């Protein structure tokens, strides 16, 4: 335990550890302020395809929607920030020349490596939670609260989640985000243990993430069959919000175009399973 606290103190006493926190805070604050100033334009662009056929009321552009939109937009970039610290945990000791002094101490090598790995995981969890809490708090302060609309990717439809269900779904989404980002941290830590310079593990981890993202989005049958085995497939923040049916009832809204009319359909989760959604 002492080793863990020592490694945590050493990691968070370095100024480069806070680069990721500063970068995310800057992006979130600037983005939400600009979105607040351009709220009418954003709302018009969001709803212009529905306004002719649907009657829309309530606070659609609320803090929950803004937080989920920003987090789902940046889930690809957060792994790059995680590798800056996780990829330096072991190789940084070799670069600074302190690895020999570290290994002659009484604690075994396995304990030292375990303490460093747990510190990397704590940094990852702290960064994701900081990002999520900042998005939510600032979003609710600027945009208020309301029901959450989540776009159903790949289909012309969206999911409407009642406000009472959103906090629990957000909590599970944050937990899933932390879990998926620990995979990136573990990969960067592995490369860090195999190298004597921090540049290699950081670039190598980024290269793996980029390659998996490209493979997972190529519209070919081979890569579609391969995508379930790529960890980047499960870094989608909105998926937890859409498909957690066991948390309660939500409505899936789909817009079907017919030759002479338009229909708005509200389905319950039990009906969704029967219809194959």
C-alpha atoms as a PDB file:
ATOM      1  CA  UNK A   1       0.000   0.000   0.000  1.00  0.00           C
ATOM      2  CA  UNK A   2       2.890   2.351   0.778  1.00  0.00           C
ATOM      3  CA  UNK A   3       4.342   1.696  -2.656  1.00  0.00           C
ATOM      4  CA  UNK A   4       1.009   2.537  -4.263  1.00  0.00           C
ATOM      5  CA  UNK A   5       0.697   5.845  -2.424  1.00  0.00           C
ATOM      6  CA  UNK A   6       4.328   6.639  -3.205  1.00  0.00           C
ATOM      7  CA  UNK A   7       3.817   5.988  -6.929  1.00  0.00           C
ATOM      8  CA  UNK A   8       0.571   7.976  -6.901  1.00  0.00           C
ATOM      9  CA  UNK A   9       2.248  10.940  -5.227  1.00  0.00           C
ATOM     10  CA  UNK A  10       5.181  10.752  -7.645  1.00  0.00           C
ATOM     11  CA  UNK A  11       2.898  10.596 -10.678  1.00  0.00           C
ATOM     12  CA  UNK A  12       0.607  13.454  -9.661  1.00  0.00           C
ATOM     13  CA  UNK A  13       3.514  15.655  -8.596  1.00  0.00           C
ATOM     14  CA  UNK A  14       4.684  15.887 -12.211  1.00  0.00           C
ATOM     15  CA  UNK A  15       3.330  18.794 -14.209  1.00  0.00           C
ATOM     16  CA  UNK A  16       2.845  16.703 -17.378  1.00  0.00           C
ATOM     17  CA  UNK A  17       0.273  14.571 -15.556  1.00  0.00           C
ATOM     18  CA  UNK A  18      -2.092  17.550 -15.609  1.00  0.00           C
ATOM     19  CA  UNK A  19      -1.749  18.242 -19.334  1.00  0.00           C
ATOM     20  CA  UNK A  20      -4.657  15.902 -20.057  1.00  0.00           C
ATOM     21  CA  UNK A  21      -6.870  17.471 -17.385  1.00  0.00           C
ATOM     22  CA  UNK A  22      -6.134  20.964 -18.678  1.00  0.00           C
ATOM     23  CA  UNK A  23      -6.732  19.939 -22.299  1.00  0.00           C
ATOM     24  CA  UNK A  24     -10.092  18.301 -21.541  1.00  0.00           C
ATOM     25  CA  UNK A  25     -11.220  21.174 -19.329  1.00  0.00           C
ATOM     26  CA  UNK A  26     -10.374  23.684 -22.040  1.00  0.00           C
ATOM     27  CA  UNK A  27     -12.247  21.724 -24.711  1.00  0.00           C
ATOM     28  CA  UNK A  28     -15.339  21.227 -22.537  1.00  0.00           C
ATOM     29  CA  UNK A  29     -15.554  24.816 -21.291  1.00  0.00           C
ATOM     30  CA  UNK A  30     -15.009  26.412 -24.694  1.00  0.00           C
ATOM     31  CA  UNK A  31     -17.352  23.952 -26.444  1.00  0.00           C
ATOM     32  CA  UNK A  32     -20.240  24.376 -24.016  1.00  0.00           C
ATOM     33  CA  UNK A  33     -19.949  28.167 -23.913  1.00  0.00           C
ATOM     34  CA  UNK A  34     -19.978  28.338 -27.726  1.00  0.00           C
ATOM     35  CA  UNK A  35     -22.896  25.890 -27.852  1.00  0.00           C
ATOM     36  CA  UNK A  36     -24.773  28.048 -25.346  1.00  0.00           C
ATOM     37  CA  UNK A  37     -24.238  31.144 -27.484  1.00  0.00           C
ATOM     38  CA  UNK A  38     -25.281  29.215 -30.605  1.00  0.00           C
ATOM     39  CA  UNK A  39     -28.145  27.290 -28.976  1.00  0.00           C
ATOM     40  CA  UNK A  40     -30.813  28.452 -31.418  1.00  0.00           C
ATOM     41  CA  UNK A  41     -28.712  27.506 -34.444  1.00  0.00           C
ATOM     42  CA  UNK A  42     -27.870  24.078 -33.007  1.00  0.00           C
ATOM     43  CA  UNK A  43     -31.486  23.377 -32.122  1.00  0.00           C
ATOM     44  CA  UNK A  44     -32.631  24.395 -35.604  1.00  0.00           C
ATOM     45  CA  UNK A  45     -30.128  22.088 -37.277  1.00  0.00           C
ATOM     46  CA  UNK A  46     -31.010  19.227 -34.941  1.00  0.00           C
ATOM     47  CA  UNK A  47     -34.738  19.424 -35.460  1.00  0.00           C
ATOM     48  CA  UNK A  48     -35.161  20.787 -38.977  1.00  0.00           C
ATOM     49  CA  UNK A  49     -35.763  17.317 -40.451  1.00  0.00           C
ATOM     50  CA  UNK A  50     -38.433  16.592 -37.809  1.00  0.00           C
ATOM     51  CA  UNK A  51     -40.209  19.953 -37.498  1.00  0.00           C
ATOM     52  CA  UNK A  52     -42.403  19.423 -40.575  1.00  0.00           C
ATOM     53  CA  UNK A  53     -43.815  16.153 -39.279  1.00  0.00           C
ATOM     54  CA  UNK A  54     -43.424  16.157 -35.466  1.00  0.00           C
ATOM     55  CA  UNK A  55     -44.576  18.490 -32.725  1.00  0.00           C
ATOM     56  CA  UNK A  56     -41.512  19.065 -30.527  1.00  0.00           C
ATOM     57  CA  UNK A  57     -41.747  20.616 -27.068  1.00  0.00           C
ATOM     58  CA  UNK A  58     -39.670  20.768 -23.904  1.00  0.00           C
ATOM     59  CA  UNK A  59     -35.992  21.436 -23.257  1.00  0.00           C
ATOM     60  CA  UNK A  60     -34.404  19.282 -25.956  1.00  0.00           C
ATOM     61  CA  UNK A  61     -30.995  20.947 -25.840  1.00  0.00           C
ATOM     62  CA  UNK A  62     -30.350  20.257 -22.146  1.00  0.00           C
ATOM     63  CA  UNK A  63     -27.303  19.510 -20.044  1.00  0.00           C
ATOM     64  CA  UNK A  64     -27.704  15.725 -20.316  1.00  0.00           C
ATOM     65  CA  UNK A  65     -27.732  15.903 -24.101  1.00  0.00           C
ATOM     66  CA  UNK A  66     -24.743  18.254 -24.220  1.00  0.00           C
ATOM     67  CA  UNK A  67     -22.714  16.020 -21.886  1.00  0.00           C
ATOM     68  CA  UNK A  68     -23.483  12.841 -23.835  1.00  0.00           C
ATOM     69  CA  UNK A  69     -22.751  14.591 -27.136  1.00  0.00           C
ATOM     70  CA  UNK A  70     -19.340  15.887 -26.014  1.00  0.00           C
ATOM     71  CA  UNK A  71     -18.311  12.662 -24.313  1.00  0.00           C
ATOM     72  CA  UNK A  72     -19.305  10.561 -27.299  1.00  0.00           C
ATOM     73  CA  UNK A  73     -17.452  12.945 -29.617  1.00  0.00           C
ATOM     74  CA  UNK A  74     -14.189  12.805 -27.634  1.00  0.00           C
ATOM     75  CA  UNK A  75     -14.109   9.126 -26.683  1.00  0.00           C
ATOM     76  CA  UNK A  76     -11.674   8.596 -29.581  1.00  0.00           C
ATOM     77  CA  UNK A  77      -9.262  11.273 -28.342  1.00  0.00           C
ATOM     78  CA  UNK A  78      -9.161  10.410 -24.626  1.00  0.00           C
ATOM     79  CA  UNK A  79      -6.994   7.270 -25.198  1.00  0.00           C
ATOM     80  CA  UNK A  80      -4.260   9.482 -26.613  1.00  0.00           C
ATOM     81  CA  UNK A  81      -4.214  11.509 -23.407  1.00  0.00           C
ATOM     82  CA  UNK A  82      -4.109   8.367 -21.270  1.00  0.00           C
ATOM     83  CA  UNK A  83      -1.030   7.045 -23.054  1.00  0.00           C
ATOM     84  CA  UNK A  84       0.934  10.176 -22.083  1.00  0.00           C
ATOM     85  CA  UNK A  85       1.078   8.971 -18.476  1.00  0.00           C
ATOM     86  CA  UNK A  86       0.532   5.210 -18.698  1.00  0.00           C
ATOM     87  CA  UNK A  87       3.218   4.892 -21.367  1.00  0.00           C
ATOM     88  CA  UNK A  88       5.720   6.657 -19.099  1.00  0.00           C
ATOM     89  CA  UNK A  89       5.166   4.683 -15.885  1.00  0.00           C
ATOM     90  CA  UNK A  90       8.061   2.214 -16.302  1.00  0.00           C
ATOM     91  CA  UNK A  91      10.073   3.521 -19.232  1.00  0.00           C
ATOM     92  CA  UNK A  92      10.241   6.931 -17.558  1.00  0.00           C
ATOM     93  CA  UNK A  93      12.294   5.387 -14.761  1.00  0.00           C
ATOM     94  CA  UNK A  94      14.802   4.063 -17.307  1.00  0.00           C
ATOM     95  CA  UNK A  95      14.951   7.410 -19.093  1.00  0.00           C
ATOM     96  CA  UNK A  96      15.623   9.343 -15.888  1.00  0.00           C
ATOM     97  CA  UNK A  97      18.179   6.771 -14.685  1.00  0.00           C
ATOM     98  CA  UNK A  98      16.315   5.905 -11.466  1.00  0.00           C
ATOM     99  CA  UNK A  99      15.359   2.349 -12.404  1.00  0.00           C
ATOM    100  CA  UNK A 100      18.487   0.839 -10.817  1.00  0.00           C
ATOM    101  CA  UNK A 101      17.938   2.727  -7.579  1.00  0.00           C
ATOM    102  CA  UNK A 102      14.339   1.569  -7.604  1.00  0.00           C
ATOM    103  CA  UNK A 103      15.203  -2.097  -8.069  1.00  0.00           C
ATOM    104  CA  UNK A 104      17.735  -2.277  -5.211  1.00  0.00           C
ATOM    105  CA  UNK A 105      15.076  -1.288  -2.678  1.00  0.00           C
ATOM    106  CA  UNK A 106      13.627  -4.028  -0.412  1.00  0.00           C
ATOM    107  CA  UNK A 107      10.235  -4.358  -2.222  1.00  0.00           C
ATOM    108  CA  UNK A 108      10.197  -6.992  -4.930  1.00  0.00           C
ATOM    109  CA  UNK A 109       9.929  -6.141  -8.609  1.00  0.00           C
ATOM    110  CA  UNK A 110       6.417  -7.586  -8.806  1.00  0.00           C
ATOM    111  CA  UNK A 111       5.229  -5.266  -6.032  1.00  0.00           C
ATOM    112  CA  UNK A 112       6.801  -2.256  -7.719  1.00  0.00           C
ATOM    113  CA  UNK A 113       5.237  -3.094 -11.077  1.00  0.00           C
ATOM    114  CA  UNK A 114       1.854  -3.730  -9.443  1.00  0.00           C
ATOM    115  CA  UNK A 115       1.965  -0.376  -7.651  1.00  0.00           C
ATOM    116  CA  UNK A 116       2.819   1.411 -10.890  1.00  0.00           C
ATOM    117  CA  UNK A 117       0.048  -0.386 -12.768  1.00  0.00           C
ATOM    118  CA  UNK A 118      -2.565   0.476 -10.138  1.00  0.00           C
ATOM    119  CA  UNK A 119      -1.416   4.087 -10.284  1.00  0.00           C
ATOM    120  CA  UNK A 120      -1.921   4.095 -14.066  1.00  0.00           C
ATOM    121  CA  UNK A 121      -5.435   2.714 -13.606  1.00  0.00           C
ATOM    122  CA  UNK A 122      -6.250   5.341 -10.963  1.00  0.00           C
ATOM    123  CA  UNK A 123      -5.035   8.095 -13.267  1.00  0.00           C
ATOM    124  CA  UNK A 124      -7.213   6.705 -16.064  1.00  0.00           C
ATOM    125  CA  UNK A 125     -10.302   6.522 -13.852  1.00  0.00           C
ATOM    126  CA  UNK A 126      -9.658  10.001 -12.472  1.00  0.00           C
ATOM    127  CA  UNK A 127      -9.294  11.512 -15.942  1.00  0.00           C
ATOM    128  CA  UNK A 128     -12.508   9.937 -17.265  1.00  0.00           C
ATOM    129  CA  UNK A 129     -14.527  10.857 -14.167  1.00  0.00           C
ATOM    130  CA  UNK A 130     -13.169  14.410 -14.212  1.00  0.00           C
ATOM    131  CA  UNK A 131     -14.176  14.729 -17.846  1.00  0.00           C
ATOM    132  CA  UNK A 132     -17.656  13.333 -17.232  1.00  0.00           C
ATOM    133  CA  UNK A 133     -18.404  15.355 -14.098  1.00  0.00           C
ATOM    134  CA  UNK A 134     -17.215  18.563 -15.746  1.00  0.00           C
ATOM    135  CA  UNK A 135     -19.401  17.927 -18.809  1.00  0.00           C
ATOM    136  CA  UNK A 136     -22.460  17.219 -16.670  1.00  0.00           C
ATOM    137  CA  UNK A 137     -22.115  20.031 -14.143  1.00  0.00           C
ATOM    138  CA  UNK A 138     -21.309  22.739 -16.657  1.00  0.00           C
ATOM    139  CA  UNK A 139     -23.943  21.436 -19.071  1.00  0.00           C
ATOM    140  CA  UNK A 140     -26.744  21.409 -16.493  1.00  0.00           C
ATOM    141  CA  UNK A 141     -25.768  24.868 -15.241  1.00  0.00           C
ATOM    142  CA  UNK A 142     -25.781  26.355 -18.755  1.00  0.00           C
ATOM    143  CA  UNK A 143     -28.576  24.368 -20.426  1.00  0.00           C
ATOM    144  CA  UNK A 144     -30.757  23.055 -17.610  1.00  0.00           C
ATOM    145  CA  UNK A 145     -32.231  19.580 -17.381  1.00  0.00           C
ATOM    146  CA  UNK A 146     -34.797  17.489 -19.261  1.00  0.00           C
ATOM    147  CA  UNK A 147     -35.325  14.216 -21.093  1.00  0.00           C
ATOM    148  CA  UNK A 148     -32.410  12.860 -23.086  1.00  0.00           C
ATOM    149  CA  UNK A 149     -32.542  12.174 -26.809  1.00  0.00           C
ATOM    150  CA  UNK A 150     -29.873   9.775 -28.063  1.00  0.00           C
ATOM    151  CA  UNK A 151     -29.425   9.203 -31.771  1.00  0.00           C
ATOM    152  CA  UNK A 152     -29.666   5.606 -32.933  1.00  0.00           C
ATOM    153  CA  UNK A 153     -26.536   5.302 -35.046  1.00  0.00           C
ATOM    154  CA  UNK A 154     -26.935   3.490 -38.323  1.00  0.00           C
ATOM    155  CA  UNK A 155     -30.733   3.911 -38.346  1.00  0.00           C
ATOM    156  CA  UNK A 156     -33.062   6.797 -38.962  1.00  0.00           C
ATOM    157  CA  UNK A 157     -34.370   7.025 -35.428  1.00  0.00           C
ATOM    158  CA  UNK A 158     -33.484   7.931 -31.869  1.00  0.00           C
ATOM    159  CA  UNK A 159     -34.105   6.870 -28.284  1.00  0.00           C
ATOM    160  CA  UNK A 160     -35.963   9.094 -25.822  1.00  0.00           C
ATOM    161  CA  UNK A 161     -34.881   8.494 -22.202  1.00  0.00           C
ATOM    162  CA  UNK A 162     -36.983   9.986 -19.357  1.00  0.00           C
ATOM    163  CA  UNK A 163     -35.145  12.306 -17.002  1.00  0.00           C
ATOM    164  CA  UNK A 164     -35.702  10.000 -14.004  1.00  0.00           C
ATOM    165  CA  UNK A 165     -33.639   7.246 -15.652  1.00  0.00           C
ATOM    166  CA  UNK A 166     -30.758   9.395 -16.865  1.00  0.00           C
ATOM    167  CA  UNK A 167     -28.573   9.565 -13.698  1.00  0.00           C
ATOM    168  CA  UNK A 168     -28.324   5.775 -13.352  1.00  0.00           C
ATOM    169  CA  UNK A 169     -27.677   5.324 -17.055  1.00  0.00           C
ATOM    170  CA  UNK A 170     -25.005   8.032 -16.944  1.00  0.00           C
ATOM    171  CA  UNK A 171     -23.360   6.301 -13.978  1.00  0.00           C
ATOM    172  CA  UNK A 172     -23.238   3.018 -15.884  1.00  0.00           C
ATOM    173  CA  UNK A 173     -21.954   4.814 -18.973  1.00  0.00           C
ATOM    174  CA  UNK A 174     -19.125   6.365 -16.940  1.00  0.00           C
ATOM    175  CA  UNK A 175     -18.292   2.952 -15.468  1.00  0.00           C
ATOM    176  CA  UNK A 176     -18.181   1.456 -18.974  1.00  0.00           C
ATOM    177  CA  UNK A 177     -16.004   4.346 -20.157  1.00  0.00           C
ATOM    178  CA  UNK A 178     -13.543   3.827 -17.296  1.00  0.00           C
ATOM    179  CA  UNK A 179     -13.467   0.090 -17.992  1.00  0.00           C
ATOM    180  CA  UNK A 180     -12.762   0.559 -21.702  1.00  0.00           C
ATOM    181  CA  UNK A 181     -10.064   3.165 -21.086  1.00  0.00           C
ATOM    182  CA  UNK A 182      -8.256   0.860 -18.653  1.00  0.00           C
ATOM    183  CA  UNK A 183      -7.616  -1.381 -21.668  1.00  0.00           C
ATOM    184  CA  UNK A 184      -5.755   1.488 -23.332  1.00  0.00           C
ATOM    185  CA  UNK A 185      -3.853   2.186 -20.109  1.00  0.00           C
ATOM    186  CA  UNK A 186      -2.914  -1.489 -19.791  1.00  0.00           C
ATOM    187  CA  UNK A 187      -1.656  -1.576 -23.375  1.00  0.00           C
ATOM    188  CA  UNK A 188       0.450   1.547 -22.876  1.00  0.00           C
ATOM    189  CA  UNK A 189       1.787   0.163 -19.579  1.00  0.00           C
ATOM    190  CA  UNK A 190       2.772  -3.090 -21.316  1.00  0.00           C
ATOM    191  CA  UNK A 191       4.717  -1.203 -23.979  1.00  0.00           C
ATOM    192  CA  UNK A 192       6.267   0.947 -21.260  1.00  0.00           C
ATOM    193  CA  UNK A 193       7.620  -2.138 -19.467  1.00  0.00           C
ATOM    194  CA  UNK A 194       9.250  -3.316 -22.702  1.00  0.00           C
ATOM    195  CA  UNK A 195      11.004  -0.062 -23.620  1.00  0.00           C
ATOM    196  CA  UNK A 196      13.645   2.230 -22.183  1.00  0.00           C
ATOM    197  CA  UNK A 197      12.227   5.394 -23.707  1.00  0.00           C
ATOM    198  CA  UNK A 198       8.741   6.825 -23.203  1.00  0.00           C
ATOM    199  CA  UNK A 199       8.299   7.959 -26.790  1.00  0.00           C
ATOM    200  CA  UNK A 200       8.038   4.424 -28.150  1.00  0.00           C
ATOM    201  CA  UNK A 201       5.269   3.190 -25.801  1.00  0.00           C
ATOM    202  CA  UNK A 202       3.210   6.351 -26.281  1.00  0.00           C
ATOM    203  CA  UNK A 203       3.425   6.297 -30.077  1.00  0.00           C
ATOM    204  CA  UNK A 204       2.976   2.524 -30.191  1.00  0.00           C
ATOM    205  CA  UNK A 205      -0.208   2.658 -28.099  1.00  0.00           C
ATOM    206  CA  UNK A 206      -1.618   5.462 -30.234  1.00  0.00           C
ATOM    207  CA  UNK A 207      -0.797   3.489 -33.388  1.00  0.00           C
ATOM    208  CA  UNK A 208      -2.697   0.430 -32.103  1.00  0.00           C
ATOM    209  CA  UNK A 209      -5.749   2.534 -31.176  1.00  0.00           C
ATOM    210  CA  UNK A 210      -5.769   4.285 -34.560  1.00  0.00           C
ATOM    211  CA  UNK A 211      -5.350   1.012 -36.454  1.00  0.00           C
ATOM    212  CA  UNK A 212      -8.190  -0.670 -34.547  1.00  0.00           C
ATOM    213  CA  UNK A 213     -10.463   2.327 -35.083  1.00  0.00           C
ATOM    214  CA  UNK A 214      -9.780   2.254 -38.824  1.00  0.00           C
ATOM    215  CA  UNK A 215     -10.325  -1.506 -39.043  1.00  0.00           C
ATOM    216  CA  UNK A 216     -13.544  -1.291 -37.045  1.00  0.00           C
ATOM    217  CA  UNK A 217     -15.044   1.334 -39.362  1.00  0.00           C
ATOM    218  CA  UNK A 218     -14.146  -0.099 -42.740  1.00  0.00           C
ATOM    219  CA  UNK A 219     -17.348  -1.185 -44.589  1.00  0.00           C
ATOM    220  CA  UNK A 220     -16.100  -4.669 -45.504  1.00  0.00           C
ATOM    221  CA  UNK A 221     -17.427  -8.025 -44.330  1.00  0.00           C
ATOM    222  CA  UNK A 222     -14.010  -9.149 -43.094  1.00  0.00           C
ATOM    223  CA  UNK A 223     -13.641  -6.143 -40.820  1.00  0.00           C
ATOM    224  CA  UNK A 224     -17.278  -6.369 -39.676  1.00  0.00           C
ATOM    225  CA  UNK A 225     -16.565  -9.915 -38.495  1.00  0.00           C
ATOM    226  CA  UNK A 226     -13.336  -8.741 -36.878  1.00  0.00           C
ATOM    227  CA  UNK A 227     -14.776  -5.698 -35.076  1.00  0.00           C
ATOM    228  CA  UNK A 228     -16.245  -7.633 -32.088  1.00  0.00           C
ATOM    229  CA  UNK A 229     -12.686  -8.669 -31.180  1.00  0.00           C
ATOM    230  CA  UNK A 230     -11.323  -5.090 -31.218  1.00  0.00           C
ATOM    231  CA  UNK A 231     -11.476  -3.225 -27.913  1.00  0.00           C
ATOM    232  CA  UNK A 232     -12.130   0.065 -29.711  1.00  0.00           C
ATOM    233  CA  UNK A 233     -15.555  -1.287 -30.730  1.00  0.00           C
ATOM    234  CA  UNK A 234     -16.719  -0.980 -27.124  1.00  0.00           C
ATOM    235  CA  UNK A 235     -15.627   2.617 -26.520  1.00  0.00           C
ATOM    236  CA  UNK A 236     -19.032   4.025 -27.544  1.00  0.00           C
ATOM    237  CA  UNK A 237     -20.444   6.133 -24.713  1.00  0.00           C
ATOM    238  CA  UNK A 238     -23.971   6.354 -26.153  1.00  0.00           C
ATOM    239  CA  UNK A 239     -24.434   2.589 -26.450  1.00  0.00           C
ATOM    240  CA  UNK A 240     -24.955   2.173 -22.710  1.00  0.00           C
ATOM    241  CA  UNK A 241     -27.502   4.987 -22.696  1.00  0.00           C
ATOM    242  CA  UNK A 242     -29.458   3.446 -25.574  1.00  0.00           C
ATOM    243  CA  UNK A 243     -29.564  -0.234 -24.780  1.00  0.00           C
ATOM    244  CA  UNK A 244     -29.837  -0.566 -20.991  1.00  0.00           C
ATOM    245  CA  UNK A 245     -33.418  -1.843 -21.210  1.00  0.00           C
ATOM    246  CA  UNK A 246     -33.293  -3.486 -17.799  1.00  0.00           C
ATOM    247  CA  UNK A 247     -33.099  -0.074 -16.121  1.00  0.00           C
ATOM    248  CA  UNK A 248     -36.694   0.733 -16.984  1.00  0.00           C
ATOM    249  CA  UNK A 249     -39.003   1.746 -19.774  1.00  0.00           C
ATOM    250  CA  UNK A 250     -37.850   4.064 -22.510  1.00  0.00           C
ATOM    251  CA  UNK A 251     -39.227   4.869 -25.897  1.00  0.00           C
ATOM    252  CA  UNK A 252     -37.622   4.251 -29.223  1.00  0.00           C
ATOM    253  CA  UNK A 253     -38.852   6.743 -31.788  1.00  0.00           C
ATOM    254  CA  UNK A 254     -38.545   5.965 -35.464  1.00  0.00           C
ATOM    255  CA  UNK A 255     -39.664   8.000 -38.430  1.00  0.00           C
ATOM    256  CA  UNK A 256     -41.079   6.004 -41.323  1.00  0.00           C
ATOM    257  CA  UNK A 257     -41.768   7.647 -44.671  1.00  0.00           C
ATOM    258  CA  UNK A 258     -44.778   6.428 -46.582  1.00  0.00           C
ATOM    259  CA  UNK A 259     -46.037   7.591 -50.005  1.00  0.00           C
ATOM    260  CA  UNK A 260     -48.750   9.803 -48.520  1.00  0.00           C
ATOM    261  CA  UNK A 261     -48.127  10.086 -44.780  1.00  0.00           C
ATOM    262  CA  UNK A 262     -45.607  10.087 -41.942  1.00  0.00           C
ATOM    263  CA  UNK A 263     -45.979   8.126 -38.723  1.00  0.00           C
ATOM    264  CA  UNK A 264     -44.392   8.593 -35.307  1.00  0.00           C
ATOM    265  CA  UNK A 265     -44.092   5.262 -33.481  1.00  0.00           C
ATOM    266  CA  UNK A 266     -43.443   4.800 -29.754  1.00  0.00           C
ATOM    267  CA  UNK A 267     -42.232   1.287 -28.850  1.00  0.00           C
ATOM    268  CA  UNK A 268     -41.775  -0.279 -25.426  1.00  0.00           C
ATOM    269  CA  UNK A 269     -38.666  -2.412 -24.701  1.00  0.00           C
ATOM    270  CA  UNK A 270     -40.700  -5.649 -24.792  1.00  0.00           C
ATOM    271  CA  UNK A 271     -41.986  -4.750 -28.223  1.00  0.00           C
ATOM    272  CA  UNK A 272     -38.511  -3.866 -29.425  1.00  0.00           C
ATOM    273  CA  UNK A 273     -37.223  -7.376 -28.799  1.00  0.00           C
ATOM    274  CA  UNK A 274     -40.121  -8.923 -30.697  1.00  0.00           C
ATOM    275  CA  UNK A 275     -39.549  -6.617 -33.668  1.00  0.00           C
ATOM    276  CA  UNK A 276     -35.807  -7.228 -33.749  1.00  0.00           C
ATOM    277  CA  UNK A 277     -34.630  -3.723 -32.838  1.00  0.00           C
END
